Amino acid sequence: MRARREKRAAAGEAMAETGIGRSGGTVLLVDDEPMVLAMMEDFLTINGLGVLIAKEGSEALRLARER
């Protein structure tokens, strides 16, 4: 748990240095692993991005077309 928080903090610092996450954009996140989706969603939202989640390719294509 601690290592995960430290990695998340380091990644957040790196994003802050590059300006990533300041635009308030939206990311389409696609993965079939619930743990990966949850971790990435947390990371992206903490850094100011909106997140659309898809668990498979067809769902991702549908979401992309709707946007």
Protein backbone atom coordinates (compact mmCIF):
# COMPACT_ATOMS: atom_id res chain seq x y z
CA MET A 1 0.00 0.00 0.00
CA ARG A 2 2.76 2.46 0.93
CA ALA A 3 4.75 1.67 -2.21
CA ARG A 4 1.65 2.26 -4.31
CA ARG A 5 1.08 5.67 -2.70
CA GLU A 6 4.72 6.60 -3.24
CA LYS A 7 4.56 5.60 -6.91
CA ARG A 8 1.33 7.56 -7.33
CA ALA A 9 2.89 10.63 -5.70
CA ALA A 10 6.00 10.40 -7.88
CA ALA A 11 3.90 10.07 -11.01
CA GLY A 12 1.79 13.04 -9.95
CA GLU A 13 4.91 15.15 -9.46
CA ALA A 14 6.17 14.16 -12.91
CA MET A 15 2.85 15.12 -14.45
CA ALA A 16 2.86 18.46 -12.63
CA GLU A 17 6.33 19.23 -13.98
CA THR A 18 5.23 18.56 -17.56
CA GLY A 19 1.84 20.23 -17.28
CA ILE A 20 -0.06 17.03 -17.99
CA GLY A 21 -3.47 17.07 -16.37
CA ARG A 22 -3.88 20.82 -16.38
CA SER A 23 -6.06 20.88 -19.46
CA GLY A 24 -9.01 19.16 -17.83
CA GLY A 25 -9.27 16.84 -20.83
CA THR A 26 -10.85 13.41 -20.97
CA VAL A 27 -9.13 10.05 -21.33
CA LEU A 28 -10.68 6.87 -22.71
CA LEU A 29 -9.31 4.11 -20.51
CA VAL A 30 -9.63 0.55 -21.85
CA ASP A 31 -8.60 -2.58 -19.96
CA ASP A 32 -10.13 -5.89 -19.01
CA GLU A 33 -8.56 -5.92 -15.53
CA PRO A 34 -10.74 -4.20 -12.90
CA MET A 35 -7.74 -3.44 -10.67
CA VAL A 36 -5.91 -1.69 -13.51
CA LEU A 37 -9.01 0.33 -14.36
CA ALA A 38 -9.49 1.39 -10.74
CA MET A 39 -5.87 2.40 -10.23
CA MET A 40 -5.63 4.31 -13.49
CA GLU A 41 -8.97 6.04 -12.95
CA ASP A 42 -7.79 7.22 -9.52
CA PHE A 43 -4.49 8.44 -10.93
CA LEU A 44 -6.05 10.30 -13.83
CA THR A 45 -8.85 11.95 -11.85
CA ILE A 46 -6.44 13.02 -9.11
CA ASN A 47 -4.49 14.77 -11.84
CA GLY A 48 -7.48 16.67 -13.17
CA LEU A 49 -8.59 14.52 -16.09
CA GLY A 50 -12.00 13.12 -16.85
CA VAL A 51 -12.11 9.38 -17.45
CA LEU A 52 -14.33 7.25 -19.65
CA ILE A 53 -13.96 3.56 -18.83
CA ALA A 54 -14.40 0.61 -21.16
CA LYS A 55 -13.79 -3.04 -20.30
CA GLU A 56 -13.47 -4.21 -23.90
CA GLY A 57 -12.76 -2.90 -27.36
CA SER A 58 -16.34 -2.73 -28.61
CA GLU A 59 -17.37 -0.68 -25.58
CA ALA A 60 -14.40 1.65 -26.16
CA LEU A 61 -15.39 2.17 -29.78
CA ARG A 62 -18.97 2.96 -28.77
CA LEU A 63 -17.81 5.51 -26.18
CA ALA A 64 -15.41 7.11 -28.66
CA ARG A 65 -18.15 7.45 -31.29
CA GLU A 66 -20.51 9.04 -28.75
CA ARG A 67 -17.93 11.69 -27.85
